[in-house]
């Protein structure tokens, strides 16, 4: 059941009616049943994996909690006869046991994730190595399925275990409530990622019917449909045509490649953020606040700033559970101290600022897909971000020498254009048919320009799956997207501002948006979760 289908709208409406009719103490049960009902539509076989992850993580959480409880109860039983030093020692021993359980449980969850997502890549590369020696092997795991939302519920489960280990919250003792945290149906398709202490506790609270939540949630869903159906799905043929495996990089000049990557940039943003808007809107209608996942990434002024705006829940997860642990780990801090003594304070800061991004973006690369293109793209982003940190004094010196006003609006425009070009290179790396084609396409972007094509003078631009009328619809839709983005960048909260307008004007805007979706949205006879690009992750 796709989020961008009428079936989902009908399903959500039924869930909401039942959710607010039943006694409030059973609302979480309604969500649990609905979540598993939704998940079943992706295939019964998928249940095996999500149920296994749920039970295993639940038991591991209880095990860690029991260790902590026993330690605390034992210290209490000793009364005043125990010293502070002894209390610290007991706590240290318990924490060591908890950490051991946590590491093992995390490794098991990661192992399942890697096996299901990476077996094709692993066996393909093993086969290539064996081929050098003229040995032949078969891939016994080639038919393993990748369950719906595998990365999302696995990462949520891992975060849950680490937070228990750190003492952020106690383990959930009700397996049904924990199962809801793992399987919450609006977010299972493509996130956002969330933590138990933020969202898990909301899922089991009692929620009153609130008109504002219903209104704002429905508006957010409508906006998500607009981005997905009017922009992402309409621009998709251009991307498919230019990055088709049937063509090679030399079939296109640089302007055609740039046109393709421009189309893909809008496609993937509107597809992913549109789906997230639908997810967050559905949750808000139930009184549940999910994390914001996008904050207008096209307005980013650097690649680091882009990743602060793009897939923010994944960035927050990586920052909390990977970035800071890597920065603060003993090997990195030891090297940092040596650099500080030998080369100065700034050199000491560079070491963790380089090591952590490389680890994070390598993991982000393989999270998106186990291919050399995704791995290369991860390293590309890591190099850009870590080099920015390392070269900041140089950039500041250049700006001072050239008397560049870095606070000026014109400089911000330059930063946004520069970031977008760097992002275009990143998009080509992952979208090209192969890594070789990617490098050839990138080269042509800067060496073979055809302005007549980009301006539509010869009409060829309309032969890539979107005709002239469709292109006009796209132009206007993207213009609306950018205007809304500019207003939000300047602090305007669109839904709140709309609610302050007169009733007739409000309904005119909403009905106009609905009409645009119905008239200009791209629909197909077969909707499934694969319709969303990020659904497969």
Protein backbone atom coordinates (compact mmCIF):
# COMPACT_ATOMS: atom_id res chain seq x y z
CA UNK A 1 0.00 0.00 0.00
CA UNK A 2 1.72 3.15 -1.22
CA UNK A 3 1.52 6.36 0.79
CA UNK A 4 0.58 8.22 -2.39
CA UNK A 5 -2.49 6.08 -3.10
CA UNK A 6 -6.20 6.44 -2.45
CA UNK A 7 -6.01 3.10 -0.64
CA UNK A 8 -3.72 4.68 1.96
CA UNK A 9 -6.01 7.69 2.33
CA UNK A 10 -8.97 5.37 2.93
CA UNK A 11 -6.91 3.21 5.31
CA UNK A 12 -5.80 6.27 7.29
CA UNK A 13 -9.37 7.58 7.50
CA UNK A 14 -10.62 4.27 8.92
CA UNK A 15 -7.74 4.12 11.42
CA UNK A 16 -8.44 7.68 12.59
CA UNK A 17 -12.14 6.98 13.13
CA UNK A 18 -11.44 3.85 15.17
CA UNK A 19 -8.50 5.54 16.95
CA UNK A 20 -10.69 8.33 18.32
CA UNK A 21 -13.77 6.19 18.98
CA UNK A 22 -12.20 3.51 21.19
CA UNK A 23 -11.39 4.23 24.85
CA UNK A 24 -8.17 6.23 24.93
CA UNK A 25 -6.28 3.56 26.85
CA UNK A 26 -6.66 1.28 23.79
CA UNK A 27 -5.51 3.82 21.20
CA UNK A 28 -2.04 2.32 21.06
CA UNK A 29 -3.59 -1.10 20.38
CA UNK A 30 -5.42 0.36 17.38
CA UNK A 31 -2.12 1.75 16.08
CA UNK A 32 -0.38 -1.59 16.60
CA UNK A 33 -3.06 -3.52 14.72
CA UNK A 34 -3.10 -0.90 11.97
CA UNK A 35 0.72 -0.97 11.71
CA UNK A 36 0.86 -4.73 11.29
CA UNK A 37 -2.12 -4.62 8.93
CA UNK A 38 -0.31 -2.02 6.82
CA UNK A 39 2.91 -4.01 6.92
CA UNK A 40 1.19 -7.22 5.78
CA UNK A 41 0.26 -5.48 2.52
CA UNK A 42 3.96 -5.51 1.60
CA UNK A 43 4.07 -9.31 1.88
CA UNK A 44 3.58 -11.87 4.62
CA UNK A 45 7.23 -12.99 4.39
CA UNK A 46 8.35 -9.55 5.59
CA UNK A 47 6.66 -10.16 8.95
CA UNK A 48 9.28 -12.75 9.86
CA UNK A 49 12.03 -10.14 9.86
CA UNK A 50 10.28 -7.31 11.66
CA UNK A 51 8.86 -9.66 14.32
CA UNK A 52 12.30 -11.25 14.82
CA UNK A 53 13.94 -7.82 15.21
CA UNK A 54 11.21 -6.73 17.61
CA UNK A 55 11.44 -9.78 19.89
CA UNK A 56 15.24 -9.89 19.88
CA UNK A 57 15.62 -6.16 20.63
CA UNK A 58 12.88 -6.28 23.26
CA UNK A 59 14.60 -9.16 25.12
CA UNK A 60 18.04 -7.52 24.84
CA UNK A 61 16.58 -4.31 26.29
CA UNK A 62 15.06 -6.21 29.21
CA UNK A 63 18.35 -8.00 29.82
CA UNK A 64 20.25 -4.70 30.06
CA UNK A 65 17.55 -3.23 32.28
CA UNK A 66 17.64 -6.23 34.62
CA UNK A 67 21.41 -5.80 35.06
CA UNK A 68 20.96 -2.14 35.99
CA UNK A 69 18.01 -2.88 38.31
CA UNK A 70 19.92 -5.63 40.13
CA UNK A 71 22.89 -3.32 40.67
CA UNK A 72 20.68 -0.51 42.01
CA UNK A 73 18.71 -2.88 44.26
CA UNK A 74 21.90 -4.44 45.59
CA UNK A 75 23.38 -1.03 46.46
CA UNK A 76 20.11 -0.07 48.20
CA UNK A 77 20.14 -3.30 50.21
CA UNK A 78 23.55 -2.39 51.61
CA UNK A 79 22.09 0.77 53.13
CA UNK A 80 24.45 3.38 54.57
CA UNK A 81 27.24 0.85 54.93
CA UNK A 82 28.44 1.34 51.37
CA UNK A 83 30.83 4.16 50.42
CA UNK A 84 30.59 6.39 47.35
CA UNK A 85 33.66 4.71 45.89
CA UNK A 86 32.03 1.28 46.28
CA UNK A 87 28.81 2.55 44.67
CA UNK A 88 30.82 3.82 41.70
CA UNK A 89 32.60 0.49 41.42
CA UNK A 90 29.33 -1.50 41.48
CA UNK A 91 27.92 0.85 38.84
CA UNK A 92 31.03 0.48 36.71
CA UNK A 93 30.80 -3.32 36.79
CA UNK A 94 27.10 -3.21 35.88
CA UNK A 95 27.69 -0.73 33.05
CA UNK A 96 30.41 -2.96 31.64
CA UNK A 97 27.99 -5.91 31.53
CA UNK A 98 25.27 -3.73 30.00
CA UNK A 99 27.69 -2.45 27.38
CA UNK A 100 28.66 -5.99 26.45
CA UNK A 101 25.02 -6.98 25.94
CA UNK A 102 24.39 -3.80 23.96
CA UNK A 103 27.35 -4.38 21.64
CA UNK A 104 26.32 -7.98 20.96
CA UNK A 105 22.69 -7.00 20.33
CA UNK A 106 23.69 -4.15 18.01
CA UNK A 107 26.03 -6.46 16.07
CA UNK A 108 23.23 -8.99 15.58
CA UNK A 109 20.86 -6.30 14.28
CA UNK A 110 23.55 -4.90 12.00
CA UNK A 111 24.46 -8.40 10.87
CA UNK A 112 20.90 -9.05 9.69
CA UNK A 113 20.81 -5.66 7.96
CA UNK A 114 24.11 -6.27 6.19
CA UNK A 115 23.17 -9.82 5.18
CA UNK A 116 19.85 -8.76 3.66
CA UNK A 117 21.07 -5.58 1.97
CA UNK A 118 24.65 -6.41 1.06
CA UNK A 119 24.72 -10.06 0.05
CA UNK A 120 24.47 -9.22 -3.65
CA UNK A 121 27.39 -6.76 -3.50
CA UNK A 122 29.52 -9.08 -1.36
CA UNK A 123 29.03 -12.18 -3.50
CA UNK A 124 29.39 -10.22 -6.74
CA UNK A 125 32.81 -8.95 -5.69
CA UNK A 126 33.85 -12.35 -4.33
CA UNK A 127 32.83 -13.86 -7.67
CA UNK A 128 34.98 -11.28 -9.53
CA UNK A 129 38.00 -12.19 -7.38
CA UNK A 130 37.41 -15.90 -7.92
CA UNK A 131 37.02 -15.34 -11.66
CA UNK A 132 40.60 -14.08 -11.77
CA UNK A 133 41.64 -17.56 -10.68
CA UNK A 134 39.09 -19.16 -13.06
CA UNK A 135 37.09 -20.51 -10.12
CA UNK A 136 33.32 -20.56 -10.27
CA UNK A 137 31.02 -20.01 -7.27
CA UNK A 138 27.27 -19.73 -7.01
CA UNK A 139 25.39 -17.17 -4.92
CA UNK A 140 23.11 -19.14 -2.58
CA UNK A 141 21.58 -15.97 -1.10
CA UNK A 142 20.66 -14.22 -4.34
CA UNK A 143 16.93 -14.63 -3.75
CA UNK A 144 16.88 -13.17 -0.24
CA UNK A 145 14.20 -10.48 -0.03
CA UNK A 146 14.80 -7.05 1.46
CA UNK A 147 11.85 -6.32 3.79
CA UNK A 148 9.94 -3.06 3.69
CA UNK A 149 11.54 -0.38 5.91
CA UNK A 150 14.42 -2.68 6.96
CA UNK A 151 16.95 0.13 7.54
CA UNK A 152 14.47 2.34 9.37
CA UNK A 153 13.23 -0.15 11.96
CA UNK A 154 16.73 -1.60 12.39
CA UNK A 155 18.28 1.82 13.08
CA UNK A 156 15.44 2.73 15.44
CA UNK A 157 16.00 -0.55 17.30
CA UNK A 158 19.75 0.03 17.54
CA UNK A 159 19.19 3.56 18.86
CA UNK A 160 16.78 2.14 21.45
CA UNK A 161 19.43 -0.33 22.68
CA UNK A 162 22.17 2.29 22.89
CA UNK A 163 19.92 4.71 24.78
CA UNK A 164 19.12 1.99 27.36
CA UNK A 165 22.83 1.27 27.70
CA UNK A 166 23.49 4.96 28.32
CA UNK A 167 20.66 5.18 30.84
CA UNK A 168 18.61 7.62 28.73
CA UNK A 169 15.44 5.67 29.51
CA UNK A 170 14.32 2.35 30.94
CA UNK A 171 13.48 -0.63 28.76
CA UNK A 172 9.86 -0.94 27.67
CA UNK A 173 8.36 -3.94 29.51
CA UNK A 174 5.20 -4.21 27.40
CA UNK A 175 6.16 -6.08 24.23
CA UNK A 176 3.07 -4.79 22.41
CA UNK A 177 4.01 -1.18 23.05
CA UNK A 178 7.58 -1.85 21.97
CA UNK A 179 6.32 -3.59 18.82
CA UNK A 180 4.38 -0.41 17.99
CA UNK A 181 7.57 1.65 18.34
CA UNK A 182 9.31 -0.61 15.81
CA UNK A 183 6.44 -0.87 13.32
CA UNK A 184 4.53 2.46 13.46
CA UNK A 185 2.91 2.37 10.03
CA UNK A 186 3.21 5.95 8.70
CA UNK A 187 7.00 5.97 9.15
CA UNK A 188 7.84 2.38 8.22
CA UNK A 189 8.09 3.12 4.48
CA UNK A 190 10.75 5.83 4.49
CA UNK A 191 11.14 7.25 7.97
CA UNK A 192 11.88 9.61 9.53
CA UNK A 193 14.07 7.85 12.06
CA UNK A 194 13.18 8.57 15.67
CA UNK A 195 14.15 7.64 19.20
CA UNK A 196 12.07 5.93 21.83
CA UNK A 197 12.39 8.76 24.33
CA UNK A 198 11.05 11.25 21.75
CA UNK A 199 8.38 9.38 19.78
CA UNK A 200 8.01 5.97 21.42
CA UNK A 201 6.48 7.48 24.54
CA UNK A 202 4.04 9.51 22.41
CA UNK A 203 2.73 6.40 20.68
CA UNK A 204 1.31 4.94 23.89
CA UNK A 205 -0.05 8.15 25.39
CA UNK A 206 -3.74 9.01 25.32
CA UNK A 207 -4.61 11.59 22.65
CA UNK A 208 -7.72 13.72 22.45
CA UNK A 209 -9.32 14.61 19.14
CA UNK A 210 -7.85 17.99 18.24
CA UNK A 211 -9.13 19.97 15.26
CA UNK A 212 -5.82 21.79 14.78
CA UNK A 213 -3.91 18.50 14.55
CA UNK A 214 -6.41 17.13 12.05
CA UNK A 215 -6.32 20.33 9.98
CA UNK A 216 -2.55 20.79 9.98
CA UNK A 217 -1.94 17.09 9.38
CA UNK A 218 -4.31 17.00 6.39
CA UNK A 219 -2.68 20.12 4.92
CA UNK A 220 0.78 18.57 5.27
CA UNK A 221 -0.44 15.39 3.55
CA UNK A 222 -1.88 17.48 0.71
CA UNK A 223 1.44 19.30 0.30
CA UNK A 224 3.24 15.94 0.25
CA UNK A 225 0.92 14.70 -2.51
CA UNK A 226 1.66 17.87 -4.50
CA UNK A 227 5.42 17.37 -4.28
CA UNK A 228 5.24 13.66 -5.04
CA UNK A 229 2.59 13.49 -7.78
CA UNK A 230 2.88 16.87 -9.52
CA UNK A 231 6.67 17.33 -9.41
CA UNK A 232 8.57 14.11 -8.58
CA UNK A 233 6.55 11.71 -10.72
CA UNK A 234 6.21 14.21 -13.58
CA UNK A 235 9.95 14.88 -13.78
CA UNK A 236 10.88 11.18 -13.41
CA UNK A 237 10.85 10.38 -17.20
CA UNK A 238 13.61 12.94 -17.80
CA UNK A 239 15.82 11.29 -15.19
CA UNK A 240 15.05 7.81 -16.50
CA UNK A 241 15.86 8.84 -20.08
CA UNK A 242 19.18 10.59 -19.51
CA UNK A 243 20.51 8.14 -16.91
CA UNK A 244 19.24 5.05 -18.72
CA UNK A 245 21.67 2.09 -18.73
CA UNK A 246 21.01 1.83 -22.47
CA UNK A 247 23.00 5.00 -23.09
CA UNK A 248 26.63 5.84 -22.43
CA UNK A 249 28.05 9.07 -21.14
CA UNK A 250 29.30 10.16 -24.59
CA UNK A 251 25.71 10.17 -25.92
CA UNK A 252 25.10 13.47 -24.14
CA UNK A 253 26.71 16.85 -24.01
CA UNK A 254 27.23 18.67 -20.74
CA UNK A 255 23.98 20.63 -20.97
CA UNK A 256 21.96 17.43 -21.40
CA UNK A 257 23.71 15.85 -18.41
CA UNK A 258 23.07 18.96 -16.34
CA UNK A 259 19.40 18.94 -17.41
CA UNK A 260 19.18 15.31 -16.27
CA UNK A 261 20.83 15.92 -12.91
CA UNK A 262 18.67 19.02 -12.37
CA UNK A 263 15.59 16.88 -13.01
CA UNK A 264 16.88 14.17 -10.67
CA UNK A 265 17.60 16.71 -7.93
CA UNK A 266 14.00 17.89 -7.93
CA UNK A 267 12.71 14.34 -8.33
CA UNK A 268 14.52 12.86 -5.35
CA UNK A 269 13.83 15.87 -3.12
CA UNK A 270 10.11 16.04 -3.90
CA UNK A 271 9.79 12.25 -3.77
CA UNK A 272 11.50 11.84 -0.41
CA UNK A 273 10.32 15.02 1.31
CA UNK A 274 6.82 14.55 -0.14
CA UNK A 275 6.63 11.07 1.35
CA UNK A 276 7.91 12.40 4.68
CA UNK A 277 5.26 15.14 4.64
CA UNK A 278 2.57 12.48 4.17
CA UNK A 279 4.08 10.46 7.01
CA UNK A 280 4.34 13.41 9.40
CA UNK A 281 0.88 14.64 8.45
CA UNK A 282 -0.69 11.25 9.14
CA UNK A 283 1.08 11.05 12.51
CA UNK A 284 0.05 14.60 13.43
CA UNK A 285 -3.60 13.73 12.82
CA UNK A 286 -3.15 11.18 15.61
CA UNK A 287 -1.53 13.75 17.90
CA UNK A 288 1.98 12.36 17.35
CA UNK A 289 4.89 14.64 16.39
CA UNK A 290 7.53 13.00 14.20
CA UNK A 291 10.91 14.69 13.65
CA UNK A 292 11.30 17.17 10.79
CA UNK A 293 13.33 15.50 8.05
CA UNK A 294 13.94 18.36 5.61
CA UNK A 295 14.53 22.07 5.92
CA UNK A 296 14.79 23.41 2.37
CA UNK A 297 18.11 21.81 1.37
CA UNK A 298 18.29 23.75 -1.92
CA UNK A 299 19.03 26.86 0.16
CA UNK A 300 22.10 25.25 1.74
CA UNK A 301 25.26 27.38 1.69
CA UNK A 302 27.73 24.50 2.09
CA UNK A 303 27.76 20.72 1.86
CA UNK A 304 27.84 20.52 5.66
CA UNK A 305 24.82 22.82 5.76
CA UNK A 306 23.12 20.67 3.12
CA UNK A 307 23.43 17.58 5.32
CA UNK A 308 22.02 19.58 8.22
CA UNK A 309 18.92 20.15 6.08
CA UNK A 310 18.65 16.84 4.20
CA UNK A 311 17.40 13.59 5.81
CA UNK A 312 17.86 15.29 9.16
CA UNK A 313 16.72 12.29 11.21
CA UNK A 314 19.45 10.11 9.68
CA UNK A 315 21.96 12.92 10.27
CA UNK A 316 20.87 13.23 13.89
CA UNK A 317 21.14 9.45 14.34
CA UNK A 318 24.63 9.37 12.83
CA UNK A 319 25.73 12.40 14.83
CA UNK A 320 24.57 10.89 18.14
CA UNK A 321 25.63 7.28 17.65
CA UNK A 322 28.60 7.50 15.25
CA UNK A 323 30.04 11.00 14.80
CA UNK A 324 30.58 11.93 18.46
CA UNK A 325 31.72 8.44 19.54
CA UNK A 326 34.32 8.46 16.74
CA UNK A 327 35.49 11.98 17.61
CA UNK A 328 35.85 11.05 21.28
CA UNK A 329 37.30 7.55 20.91
CA UNK A 330 40.78 6.97 22.33
CA UNK A 331 42.70 6.41 19.05
CA UNK A 332 41.35 9.63 17.52
CA UNK A 333 41.93 11.74 20.66
CA UNK A 334 45.46 10.32 20.97
CA UNK A 335 46.36 11.30 17.39
CA UNK A 336 44.67 14.66 17.92
CA UNK A 337 46.87 15.39 20.94
CA UNK A 338 50.02 14.51 18.97
CA UNK A 339 49.00 16.80 16.12
CA UNK A 340 48.19 19.60 18.57
CA UNK A 341 51.64 19.39 20.18
CA UNK A 342 53.49 19.20 16.87
CA UNK A 343 51.49 21.47 14.54
CA UNK A 344 49.34 23.66 16.79
CA UNK A 345 45.74 23.85 18.09
CA UNK A 346 44.05 23.99 14.68
CA UNK A 347 45.84 20.84 13.51
CA UNK A 348 44.61 19.09 16.64
CA UNK A 349 41.04 19.98 15.75
CA UNK A 350 41.44 18.71 12.20
CA UNK A 351 42.04 15.07 13.18
CA UNK A 352 38.61 14.35 14.74
CA UNK A 353 36.95 16.67 12.21
CA UNK A 354 38.35 14.51 9.42
CA UNK A 355 38.05 11.06 10.97
CA UNK A 356 34.42 11.37 12.05
CA UNK A 357 33.01 12.58 8.69
CA UNK A 358 34.81 9.81 6.82
CA UNK A 359 33.27 7.14 9.02
CA UNK A 360 29.82 8.77 8.99
CA UNK A 361 29.63 9.32 5.23
CA UNK A 362 31.02 5.90 4.46
CA UNK A 363 28.16 4.47 6.52
CA UNK A 364 25.64 6.85 4.92
CA UNK A 365 26.92 5.75 1.52
CA UNK A 366 26.39 2.05 2.18
CA UNK A 367 23.08 2.79 3.97
CA UNK A 368 21.75 4.10 0.66
CA UNK A 369 23.06 1.10 -1.23
CA UNK A 370 25.96 -1.33 -1.29
CA UNK A 371 27.51 -0.31 -4.59
CA UNK A 372 30.82 1.29 -5.43
CA UNK A 373 28.90 4.35 -6.62
CA UNK A 374 27.28 4.93 -3.23
CA UNK A 375 30.56 4.25 -1.44
CA UNK A 376 32.36 6.70 -3.74
CA UNK A 377 29.66 9.29 -3.15
CA UNK A 378 29.99 8.87 0.61
CA UNK A 379 33.74 9.45 0.41
CA UNK A 380 33.19 12.43 -1.92
CA UNK A 381 30.95 14.10 0.67
CA UNK A 382 33.38 13.24 3.47
CA UNK A 383 36.27 14.85 1.58
CA UNK A 384 34.29 18.02 0.91
CA UNK A 385 33.12 18.43 4.51
CA UNK A 386 36.39 17.51 6.23
CA UNK A 387 38.45 19.68 3.84
CA UNK A 388 36.18 22.63 4.62
CA UNK A 389 37.02 22.27 8.30
CA UNK A 390 40.72 21.87 7.60
CA UNK A 391 40.92 24.81 5.19
CA UNK A 392 38.68 27.28 7.04
CA UNK A 393 41.64 29.51 8.04
CA UNK A 394 42.74 29.61 4.39
CA UNK A 395 39.24 30.55 3.19
CA UNK A 396 39.00 33.29 5.82
CA UNK A 397 42.40 34.67 4.79
CA UNK A 398 41.41 34.72 1.10
CA UNK A 399 38.12 36.46 1.89
CA UNK A 400 39.97 39.07 3.98
CA UNK A 401 42.62 39.64 1.31
CA UNK A 402 40.03 40.06 -1.46
CA UNK A 403 37.81 42.15 0.84
CA UNK A 404 34.85 39.85 0.32
CA UNK A 405 31.84 40.68 2.47
CA UNK A 406 30.78 37.20 3.60
CA UNK A 407 27.64 38.63 5.18
CA UNK A 408 26.32 40.08 1.91
CA UNK A 409 23.29 38.56 0.18
CA UNK A 410 25.29 38.21 -3.06
CA UNK A 411 27.84 36.04 -1.27
CA UNK A 412 25.06 33.81 0.04
CA UNK A 413 23.75 33.38 -3.51
CA UNK A 414 27.28 32.39 -4.57
CA UNK A 415 27.45 29.88 -1.71
CA UNK A 416 24.10 28.33 -2.67
CA UNK A 417 25.08 28.02 -6.35
CA UNK A 418 28.47 26.54 -5.43
CA UNK A 419 26.84 24.03 -3.09
CA UNK A 420 24.27 23.08 -5.72
CA UNK A 421 27.01 22.40 -8.30
CA UNK A 422 28.88 20.22 -5.81
CA UNK A 423 25.61 18.46 -5.10
CA UNK A 424 25.04 17.91 -8.85
CA UNK A 425 28.34 16.07 -9.01
CA UNK A 426 27.21 13.92 -6.08
CA UNK A 427 23.92 13.15 -7.85
CA UNK A 428 25.70 12.09 -11.05
CA UNK A 429 27.96 9.74 -9.10
CA UNK A 430 25.01 7.77 -7.69
CA UNK A 431 22.62 8.03 -10.66
CA UNK A 432 24.86 7.28 -13.63
CA UNK A 433 24.70 3.72 -15.03
CA UNK A 434 28.22 3.03 -13.75
CA UNK A 435 31.04 4.74 -11.91
CA UNK A 436 32.94 5.08 -15.21
CA UNK A 437 29.93 6.74 -16.85
CA UNK A 438 29.61 9.03 -13.83
CA UNK A 439 33.12 10.42 -14.20
CA UNK A 440 32.65 10.85 -17.97
CA UNK A 441 29.34 12.67 -17.44
CA UNK A 442 30.85 14.96 -14.81
CA UNK A 443 33.67 15.84 -17.20
CA UNK A 444 31.21 16.69 -19.98
CA UNK A 445 29.18 18.92 -17.64
CA UNK A 446 32.14 21.29 -17.55
CA UNK A 447 33.52 20.86 -21.07
CA UNK A 448 30.54 20.52 -23.41
CA UNK A 449 27.85 23.18 -23.04
CA UNK A 450 24.87 23.75 -25.37
CA UNK A 451 22.89 26.82 -24.32
CA UNK A 452 20.38 26.37 -27.16
CA UNK A 453 19.34 23.06 -25.63
CA UNK A 454 18.91 24.48 -22.13
CA UNK A 455 16.89 27.44 -23.45
CA UNK A 456 14.64 25.13 -25.47
CA UNK A 457 15.42 26.92 -28.74
CA UNK A 458 15.69 23.76 -30.84
CA UNK A 459 12.86 21.97 -28.99
CA UNK A 460 15.02 18.95 -28.17
CA UNK A 461 14.51 19.54 -24.46
CA UNK A 462 10.89 18.44 -24.88
CA UNK A 463 11.85 14.99 -26.24
CA UNK A 464 12.98 13.49 -22.94
CA UNK A 465 9.64 12.21 -21.69
CA UNK A 466 8.01 15.57 -20.84
CA UNK A 467 6.44 17.61 -23.62
CA UNK A 468 6.14 21.39 -23.76
CA UNK A 469 2.85 21.51 -21.84
CA UNK A 470 4.21 19.17 -19.18
CA UNK A 471 7.32 21.30 -18.89
CA UNK A 472 5.19 24.39 -18.26
CA UNK A 473 3.32 22.55 -15.50
CA UNK A 474 6.67 21.54 -14.00
CA UNK A 475 8.02 25.07 -14.19
CA UNK A 476 5.00 26.53 -12.38
CA UNK A 477 4.96 23.74 -9.77
CA UNK A 478 8.67 24.17 -9.01
CA UNK A 479 8.15 27.95 -8.87
CA UNK A 480 5.46 27.40 -6.21
CA UNK A 481 7.86 25.08 -4.34
CA UNK A 482 10.63 27.69 -4.39
CA UNK A 483 8.34 30.55 -3.34
CA UNK A 484 7.07 28.52 -0.39
CA UNK A 485 10.68 27.68 0.46
CA UNK A 486 11.72 31.36 0.37
CA UNK A 487 8.82 32.30 2.64
CA UNK A 488 9.77 29.54 5.09
CA UNK A 489 13.45 30.58 4.97
CA UNK A 490 12.30 34.01 6.11
CA UNK A 491 10.51 32.55 9.12
CA UNK A 492 6.96 32.30 7.82
CA UNK A 493 5.04 29.26 9.07
CA UNK A 494 2.76 28.54 6.13
CA UNK A 495 0.05 26.52 7.86
CA UNK A 496 -0.21 28.94 10.76
CA UNK A 497 -0.30 31.93 8.40
CA UNK A 498 -3.01 30.24 6.32
CA UNK A 499 -5.11 29.56 9.42
CA UNK A 500 -5.18 33.32 10.16
CA UNK A 501 -6.75 34.11 6.80
CA UNK A 502 -10.46 34.41 6.04
CA UNK A 503 -12.39 31.17 5.68
CA UNK A 504 -13.14 31.68 1.95
CA UNK A 505 -9.49 32.39 1.13
CA UNK A 506 -8.28 29.37 3.13
CA UNK A 507 -10.61 26.98 1.35
CA UNK A 508 -9.82 28.55 -2.01
CA UNK A 509 -6.09 27.82 -1.53
CA UNK A 510 -6.70 24.25 -0.28
CA UNK A 511 -9.21 23.41 -3.02
CA UNK A 512 -6.88 24.91 -5.62
CA UNK A 513 -4.04 22.71 -4.37
CA UNK A 514 -6.31 19.65 -4.40
CA UNK A 515 -7.47 20.48 -7.93
CA UNK A 516 -3.87 20.83 -9.15
CA UNK A 517 -3.03 17.42 -7.64
CA UNK A 518 -6.05 15.75 -9.24
CA UNK A 519 -5.62 17.41 -12.64
CA UNK A 520 -1.85 17.54 -13.01
CA UNK A 521 -0.72 14.71 -10.73
CA UNK A 522 0.84 11.68 -12.43
CA UNK A 523 -1.06 8.53 -11.59
CA UNK A 524 -0.46 4.93 -12.57
CA UNK A 525 -2.54 1.77 -12.35
CA UNK A 526 -0.03 -0.03 -10.15
CA UNK A 527 1.05 1.82 -7.01
CA UNK A 528 3.39 0.09 -4.61
CA UNK A 529 6.03 1.13 -2.10
CA UNK A 530 8.72 1.06 -4.77
CA UNK A 531 7.06 4.15 -6.24
CA UNK A 532 8.93 6.06 -3.55
CA UNK A 533 12.66 6.18 -4.23
CA UNK A 534 13.55 5.88 -0.55
CA UNK A 535 11.01 3.09 0.04
CA UNK A 536 13.64 0.50 -0.83
CA UNK A 537 16.02 1.69 1.91
